[in-house]
PDB file of N, CA and C in Angstrom:
ATOM      1  N   MET A   1       0.976  -1.142  -0.091  1.00  0.00           N
ATOM      2  CA  MET A   1      -0.125  -0.148   0.223  1.00  0.00           C
ATOM      3  C   MET A   1       1.356   0.922   0.343  1.00  0.00           C
ATOM      4  N   PRO A   2       0.842   2.067  -0.842  1.00  0.00           N
ATOM      5  CA  PRO A   2       1.346   3.324  -1.237  1.00  0.00           C
ATOM      6  C   PRO A   2       1.210   4.006   0.336  1.00  0.00           C
ATOM      7  N   ASP A   3       2.089   5.282   0.740  1.00  0.00           N
ATOM      8  CA  ASP A   3       2.652   6.079   1.990  1.00  0.00           C
ATOM      9  C   ASP A   3       1.427   7.349   1.411  1.00  0.00           C
ATOM     10  N   THR A   4       0.428   7.451   1.630  1.00  0.00           N
ATOM     11  CA  THR A   4      -0.855   8.540   1.666  1.00  0.00           C
ATOM     12  C   THR A   4       0.238   9.978   2.386  1.00  0.00           C
ATOM     13  N   ALA A   5       0.585   9.409   3.249  1.00  0.00           N
ATOM     14  CA  ALA A   5       1.355  10.609   4.749  1.00  0.00           C
ATOM     15  C   ALA A   5       1.567  11.953   3.627  1.00  0.00           C
ATOM     16  N   GLU A   6       2.600  11.156   2.713  1.00  0.00           N
ATOM     17  CA  GLU A   6       2.917  12.896   1.817  1.00  0.00           C
ATOM     18  C   GLU A   6       2.188  12.901   1.204  1.00  0.00           C
ATOM     19  N   ALA A   7       1.235  12.061   0.032  1.00  0.00           N
ATOM     20  CA  ALA A   7      -0.013  13.032  -0.578  1.00  0.00           C
ATOM     21  C   ALA A   7      -0.842  14.007   0.060  1.00  0.00           C
ATOM     22  N   ILE A   8      -1.425  13.578   1.034  1.00  0.00           N
ATOM     23  CA  ILE A   8      -1.716  14.263   2.652  1.00  0.00           C
ATOM     24  C   ILE A   8      -1.449  16.017   2.967  1.00  0.00           C
ATOM     25  N   ALA A   9       0.221  15.745   3.221  1.00  0.00           N
ATOM     26  CA  ALA A   9       0.543  16.262   3.682  1.00  0.00           C
ATOM     27  C   ALA A   9       0.659  18.095   1.935  1.00  0.00           C
ATOM     28  N   ALA A  10       1.521  16.876   0.504  1.00  0.00           N
ATOM     29  CA  ALA A  10       0.936  18.191  -0.505  1.00  0.00           C
ATOM     30  C   ALA A  10      -0.043  18.462  -0.800  1.00  0.00           C
ATOM     31  N   LEU A  11      -1.502  17.918  -0.735  1.00  0.00           N
ATOM     32  CA  LEU A  11      -2.522  18.764  -1.111  1.00  0.00           C
ATOM     33  C   LEU A  11      -2.793  19.421   0.111  1.00  0.00           C
ATOM     34  N   THR A  12      -2.635  19.394   0.827  1.00  0.00           N
ATOM     35  CA  THR A  12      -2.906  20.232   2.470  1.00  0.00           C
ATOM     36  C   THR A  12      -2.051  21.239   2.449  1.00  0.00           C
ATOM     37  N   GLY A  13      -1.262  21.133   2.363  1.00  0.00           N
ATOM     38  CA  GLY A  13      -0.134  22.272   1.572  1.00  0.00           C
ATOM     39  C   GLY A  13      -0.899  23.745   0.672  1.00  0.00           C
ATOM     40  N   ILE A  14      -1.415  22.064  -0.427  1.00  0.00           N
ATOM     41  CA  ILE A  14      -2.094  23.088  -1.900  1.00  0.00           C
ATOM     42  C   ILE A  14      -2.599  24.057  -1.413  1.00  0.00           C
ATOM     43  N   ALA A  15      -3.871  23.496  -1.083  1.00  0.00           N
ATOM     44  CA  ALA A  15      -4.774  23.866  -0.776  1.00  0.00           C
ATOM     45  C   ALA A  15      -5.026  25.347   0.403  1.00  0.00           C
ATOM     46  N   ALA A  16      -3.817  25.243   1.226  1.00  0.00           N
ATOM     47  CA  ALA A  16      -3.877  26.552   2.550  1.00  0.00           C
ATOM     48  C   ALA A  16      -3.458  27.279   1.924  1.00  0.00           C
ATOM     49  N   ALA A  17      -2.501  27.276   0.814  1.00  0.00           N
ATOM     50  CA  ALA A  17      -1.749  28.080  -0.197  1.00  0.00           C
ATOM     51  C   ALA A  17      -2.607  28.722  -1.036  1.00  0.00           C
ATOM     52  N   ALA A  18      -3.751  28.081  -1.464  1.00  0.00           N
ATOM     53  CA  ALA A  18      -4.751  28.751  -2.120  1.00  0.00           C
ATOM     54  C   ALA A  18      -5.960  28.827  -1.650  1.00  0.00           C
ATOM     55  N   GLN A  19      -6.140  29.516  -0.202  1.00  0.00           N
ATOM     56  CA  GLN A  19      -7.441  30.168   0.447  1.00  0.00           C
ATOM     57  C   GLN A  19      -5.907  31.220   1.865  1.00  0.00           C
ATOM     58  N   GLU A  20      -5.032  32.519   0.643  1.00  0.00           N
ATOM     59  CA  GLU A  20      -4.438  33.010   1.431  1.00  0.00           C
ATOM     60  C   GLU A  20      -5.106  34.212   1.518  1.00  0.00           C
ATOM     61  N   GLY A  21      -5.948  34.261   1.183  1.00  0.00           N
ATOM     62  CA  GLY A  21      -7.390  35.888   1.158  1.00  0.00           C
ATOM     63  C   GLY A  21      -6.800  36.508  -0.426  1.00  0.00           C
ATOM     64  N   PRO A  22      -7.458  36.852   0.288  1.00  0.00           N
ATOM     65  CA  PRO A  22      -8.001  38.685  -0.562  1.00  0.00           C
ATOM     66  C   PRO A  22      -6.878  39.423  -1.295  1.00  0.00           C
ATOM     67  N   GLY A  23      -5.095  39.061  -0.338  1.00  0.00           N
ATOM     68  CA  GLY A  23      -3.978  40.167  -0.049  1.00  0.00           C
ATOM     69  C   GLY A  23      -3.580  41.037  -1.505  1.00  0.00           C
ATOM     70  N   ASP A  24      -3.113  40.461  -2.195  1.00  0.00           N
ATOM     71  CA  ASP A  24      -3.013  40.474  -3.788  1.00  0.00           C
ATOM     72  C   ASP A  24      -3.816  41.955  -4.291  1.00  0.00           C
ATOM     73  N   THR A  25      -5.140  41.195  -4.178  1.00  0.00           N
ATOM     74  CA  THR A  25      -6.591  41.865  -4.678  1.00  0.00           C
ATOM     75  C   THR A  25      -6.457  43.203  -4.203  1.00  0.00           C
ATOM     76  N   LEU A  26      -7.177  42.952  -2.890  1.00  0.00           N
ATOM     77  CA  LEU A  26      -7.297  44.628  -2.456  1.00  0.00           C
ATOM     78  C   LEU A  26      -5.891  45.395  -2.385  1.00  0.00           C
ATOM     79  N   ARG A  27      -5.352  44.541  -2.279  1.00  0.00           N
ATOM     80  CA  ARG A  27      -3.753  45.886  -2.572  1.00  0.00           C
ATOM     81  C   ARG A  27      -3.990  46.399  -3.722  1.00  0.00           C
ATOM     82  N   ILE A  28      -4.557  45.750  -4.881  1.00  0.00           N
ATOM     83  CA  ILE A  28      -4.107  46.534  -6.295  1.00  0.00           C
ATOM     84  C   ILE A  28      -5.389  47.730  -6.331  1.00  0.00           C
ATOM     85  N   VAL A  29      -6.635  47.366  -5.884  1.00  0.00           N
ATOM     86  CA  VAL A  29      -7.981  47.896  -5.892  1.00  0.00           C
ATOM     87  C   VAL A  29      -7.484  48.960  -4.622  1.00  0.00           C
ATOM     88  N   LEU A  30      -7.085  48.711  -3.570  1.00  0.00           N
ATOM     89  CA  LEU A  30      -6.988  50.090  -2.790  1.00  0.00           C
ATOM     90  C   LEU A  30      -5.644  51.240  -3.521  1.00  0.00           C
ATOM     91  N   LEU A  31      -5.151  50.855  -4.212  1.00  0.00           N
ATOM     92  CA  LEU A  31      -4.198  51.421  -5.069  1.00  0.00           C
ATOM     93  C   LEU A  31      -4.317  52.139  -6.046  1.00  0.00           C
ATOM     94  N   VAL A  32      -5.177  51.375  -6.911  1.00  0.00           N
ATOM     95  CA  VAL A  32      -6.392  51.974  -8.307  1.00  0.00           C
ATOM     96  C   VAL A  32      -6.631  53.160  -7.277  1.00  0.00           C
ATOM     97  N   SER A  33      -7.952  52.502  -6.154  1.00  0.00           N
ATOM     98  CA  SER A  33      -8.772  53.411  -6.250  1.00  0.00           C
ATOM     99  C   SER A  33      -8.120  54.936  -5.242  1.00  0.00           C
ATOM    100  N   MET A  34      -6.772  54.961  -5.089  1.00  0.00           N
ATOM    101  CA  MET A  34      -6.347  56.089  -4.567  1.00  0.00           C
ATOM    102  C   MET A  34      -5.814  56.876  -5.369  1.00  0.00           C
ATOM    103  N   VAL A  35      -4.996  56.603  -6.703  1.00  0.00           N
ATOM    104  CA  VAL A  35      -4.359  57.318  -7.730  1.00  0.00           C
ATOM    105  C   VAL A  35      -5.705  57.988  -8.626  1.00  0.00           C
ATOM    106  N   GLY A  36      -7.552  57.214  -8.194  1.00  0.00           N
ATOM    107  CA  GLY A  36      -7.921  57.598  -8.764  1.00  0.00           C
ATOM    108  C   GLY A  36      -8.602  59.129  -8.623  1.00  0.00           C
ATOM    109  N   GLY A  37      -8.277  58.365  -6.720  1.00  0.00           N
ATOM    110  CA  GLY A  37      -9.083  59.625  -5.762  1.00  0.00           C
ATOM    111  C   GLY A  37      -8.245  61.196  -6.532  1.00  0.00           C
ATOM    112  N   ALA A  38      -6.551  61.077  -6.503  1.00  0.00           N
ATOM    113  CA  ALA A  38      -5.986  61.961  -6.669  1.00  0.00           C
ATOM    114  C   ALA A  38      -6.137  62.015  -8.084  1.00  0.00           C
ATOM    115  N   LEU A  39      -6.377  61.699  -9.098  1.00  0.00           N
ATOM    116  CA  LEU A  39      -6.691  62.488 -10.564  1.00  0.00           C
ATOM    117  C   LEU A  39      -7.930  63.248  -9.984  1.00  0.00           C
ATOM    118  N   LEU A  40      -8.950  62.458  -9.726  1.00  0.00           N
ATOM    119  CA  LEU A  40     -10.026  63.894 -10.255  1.00  0.00           C
ATOM    120  C   LEU A  40     -10.265  64.380  -9.175  1.00  0.00           C
ATOM    121  N   ALA A  41      -9.590  64.511  -7.682  1.00  0.00           N
ATOM    122  CA  ALA A  41      -9.016  65.508  -7.037  1.00  0.00           C
ATOM    123  C   ALA A  41      -8.963  67.210  -7.842  1.00  0.00           C
ATOM    124  N   TRP A  42      -7.399  65.964  -8.072  1.00  0.00           N
ATOM    125  CA  TRP A  42      -7.153  66.988  -9.417  1.00  0.00           C
ATOM    126  C   TRP A  42      -7.447  67.554 -10.568  1.00  0.00           C
ATOM    127  N   PHE A  43      -8.271  67.085 -11.016  1.00  0.00           N
ATOM    128  CA  PHE A  43      -9.289  67.795 -12.038  1.00  0.00           C
ATOM    129  C   PHE A  43      -9.887  68.028 -11.985  1.00  0.00           C
ATOM    130  N   LEU A  44     -10.629  68.270 -10.612  1.00  0.00           N
ATOM    131  CA  LEU A  44     -11.526  69.120 -10.273  1.00  0.00           C
ATOM    132  C   LEU A  44     -11.191  70.360  -9.659  1.00  0.00           C
ATOM    133  N   LEU A  45      -9.843  70.448  -8.974  1.00  0.00           N
ATOM    134  CA  LEU A  45      -9.511  71.505  -8.196  1.00  0.00           C
ATOM    135  C   LEU A  45      -8.633  72.235  -9.329  1.00  0.00           C
ATOM    136  N   ARG A  46      -8.507  71.726 -10.416  1.00  0.00           N
ATOM    137  CA  ARG A  46      -7.602  72.876 -11.152  1.00  0.00           C
ATOM    138  C   ARG A  46      -8.228  74.126 -12.005  1.00  0.00           C
ATOM    139  N   GLY A  47      -9.599  73.803 -11.813  1.00  0.00           N
ATOM    140  CA  GLY A  47     -10.421  75.313 -11.740  1.00  0.00           C
ATOM    141  C   GLY A  47     -10.539  76.624 -11.119  1.00  0.00           C
ATOM    142  N   TYR A  48     -10.130  75.888  -9.846  1.00  0.00           N
ATOM    143  CA  TYR A  48      -9.625  76.811  -8.736  1.00  0.00           C
ATOM    144  C   TYR A  48      -9.112  77.787  -8.843  1.00  0.00           C
ATOM    145  N   GLY A  49      -6.973  77.635  -9.672  1.00  0.00           N
ATOM    146  CA  GLY A  49      -6.518  78.659  -9.689  1.00  0.00           C
ATOM    147  C   GLY A  49      -6.685  79.801 -10.203  1.00  0.00           C
ATOM    148  N   ARG A  50      -5.621  80.406  -9.892  1.00  0.00           N
ATOM    149  CA  ARG A  50      -5.869  81.612  -9.998  1.00  0.00           C
ATOM    150  C   ARG A  50      -5.576  82.023 -11.747  1.00  0.00           C
ATOM    151  N   ASP A  51      -5.600  82.946 -11.744  1.00  0.00           N
ATOM    152  CA  ASP A  51      -5.365  83.579 -12.759  1.00  0.00           C
ATOM    153  C   ASP A  51      -4.229  84.543 -13.500  1.00  0.00           C
ATOM    154  N   GLU A  52      -3.498  83.949 -14.410  1.00  0.00           N
ATOM    155  CA  GLU A  52      -1.551  84.284 -13.995  1.00  0.00           C
ATOM    156  C   GLU A  52      -1.600  85.820 -15.072  1.00  0.00           C
ATOM    157  N   THR A  53      -2.700  86.228 -15.239  1.00  0.00           N
ATOM    158  CA  THR A  53      -2.540  87.240 -16.470  1.00  0.00           C
ATOM    159  C   THR A  53      -2.732  88.549 -15.893  1.00  0.00           C
ATOM    160  N   GLY A  54      -3.582  88.668 -14.451  1.00  0.00           N
ATOM    161  CA  GLY A  54      -3.517  89.220 -13.831  1.00  0.00           C
ATOM    162  C   GLY A  54      -5.128  90.654 -13.616  1.00  0.00           C
ATOM    163  N   GLU A  55      -5.596  89.969 -15.309  1.00  0.00           N
ATOM    164  CA  GLU A  55      -6.257  91.481 -15.583  1.00  0.00           C
ATOM    165  C   GLU A  55      -8.018  90.667 -14.688  1.00  0.00           C
ATOM    166  N   GLN A  56      -8.535  91.452 -15.057  1.00  0.00           N
ATOM    167  CA  GLN A  56      -9.592  92.114 -14.123  1.00  0.00           C
ATOM    168  C   GLN A  56     -10.571  91.917 -15.135  1.00  0.00           C
ATOM    169  N   PRO A  57     -11.559  91.266 -14.610  1.00  0.00           N
ATOM    170  CA  PRO A  57     -13.172  91.360 -15.317  1.00  0.00           C
ATOM    171  C   PRO A  57     -13.668  92.769 -15.563  1.00  0.00           C
ATOM    172  N   ASP A  58     -14.114  92.983 -17.067  1.00  0.00           N
ATOM    173  CA  ASP A  58     -14.869  93.949 -17.796  1.00  0.00           C
ATOM    174  C   ASP A  58     -15.998  94.506 -16.938  1.00  0.00           C
ATOM    175  N   GLU A  59     -16.052  95.536 -16.402  1.00  0.00           N
ATOM    176  CA  GLU A  59     -16.677  95.820 -15.532  1.00  0.00           C
ATOM    177  C   GLU A  59     -18.294  96.469 -16.132  1.00  0.00           C
ATOM    178  N   ALA A  60     -18.092  96.447 -17.320  1.00  0.00           N
ATOM    179  CA  ALA A  60     -19.100  96.839 -18.574  1.00  0.00           C
ATOM    180  C   ALA A  60     -20.025  95.792 -18.400  1.00  0.00           C
ATOM    181  N   SER A  61     -19.194  94.681 -18.980  1.00  0.00           N
ATOM    182  CA  SER A  61     -20.718  93.383 -19.564  1.00  0.00           C
ATOM    183  C   SER A  61     -20.679  93.091 -18.113  1.00  0.00           C
ATOM    184  N   ALA A  62     -20.424  92.863 -16.904  1.00  0.00           N
ATOM    185  CA  ALA A  62     -21.612  92.486 -15.987  1.00  0.00           C
ATOM    186  C   ALA A  62     -22.863  93.972 -15.729  1.00  0.00           C
ATOM    187  N   ARG A  63     -22.646  94.641 -16.282  1.00  0.00           N
ATOM    188  CA  ARG A  63     -23.399  96.071 -15.841  1.00  0.00           C
ATOM    189  C   ARG A  63     -24.720  95.922 -16.692  1.00  0.00           C
ATOM    190  N   GLY A  64     -24.551  94.757 -17.699  1.00  0.00           N
ATOM    191  CA  GLY A  64     -25.747  94.830 -18.994  1.00  0.00           C
ATOM    192  C   GLY A  64     -25.130  95.521 -20.208  1.00  0.00           C
ATOM    193  N   ALA A  65     -26.349  95.127 -21.186  1.00  0.00           N
ATOM    194  CA  ALA A  65     -26.018  95.919 -22.552  1.00  0.00           C
ATOM    195  C   ALA A  65     -26.186  97.565 -22.467  1.00  0.00           C
ATOM    196  N   SER A  66     -26.816  97.896 -21.819  1.00  0.00           N
ATOM    197  CA  SER A  66     -26.377  99.035 -21.889  1.00  0.00           C
ATOM    198  C   SER A  66     -25.731 100.198 -21.003  1.00  0.00           C
ATOM    199  N   GLY A  67     -25.124  99.783 -20.015  1.00  0.00           N
ATOM    200  CA  GLY A  67     -23.902  99.736 -19.294  1.00  0.00           C
ATOM    201  C   GLY A  67     -24.317 101.051 -18.580  1.00  0.00           C
ATOM    202  N   ASP A  68     -25.464 100.869 -17.951  1.00  0.00           N
ATOM    203  CA  ASP A  68     -25.907 102.149 -16.860  1.00  0.00           C
ATOM    204  C   ASP A  68     -25.473 101.515 -15.387  1.00  0.00           C
ATOM    205  N   ALA A  69     -24.834 101.928 -14.108  1.00  0.00           N
ATOM    206  CA  ALA A  69     -24.816 101.811 -13.143  1.00  0.00           C
ATOM    207  C   ALA A  69     -26.098 100.723 -12.690  1.00  0.00           C
ATOM    208  N   GLU A  70     -26.740 102.041 -13.041  1.00  0.00           N
ATOM    209  CA  GLU A  70     -28.532 102.018 -12.580  1.00  0.00           C
ATOM    210  C   GLU A  70     -29.088 100.289 -12.725  1.00  0.00           C
ATOM    211  N   ASP A  71     -28.592  99.633 -14.251  1.00  0.00           N
ATOM    212  CA  ASP A  71     -29.217  98.545 -14.398  1.00  0.00           C
ATOM    213  C   ASP A  71     -28.434  97.477 -13.655  1.00  0.00           C
ATOM    214  N   ALA A  72     -27.475  97.626 -12.492  1.00  0.00           N
ATOM    215  CA  ALA A  72     -27.334  96.523 -12.496  1.00  0.00           C
ATOM    216  C   ALA A  72     -27.717  95.689 -11.518  1.00  0.00           C
ATOM    217  N   ASN A  73     -28.165  95.406 -10.630  1.00  0.00           N
ATOM    218  CA  ASN A  73     -29.567  94.968 -10.134  1.00  0.00           C
ATOM    219  C   ASN A  73     -30.996  95.112 -10.350  1.00  0.00           C
ATOM    220  N   ALA A  74     -31.426  95.117 -11.266  1.00  0.00           N
ATOM    221  CA  ALA A  74     -32.359  95.433 -11.684  1.00  0.00           C
ATOM    222  C   ALA A  74     -32.793  94.160 -11.936  1.00  0.00           C
TER     223      ALA A  74
END
């Protein structure tokens, strides 16, 4: 009769290696989500930067088509 102890030990080792858990998958998911969050924050916040030209908005365009100061809040 063949020795089954070695076969059982090998199968137990293979089964234990297959049940290590979601370690690599979880690391990949966390890394991708962190990089995605950083890119999303950059994309959303890039519009809030200062205007590098230093020009002020034209006051006449804020007053409307007539150009009267009284019409600004009408």
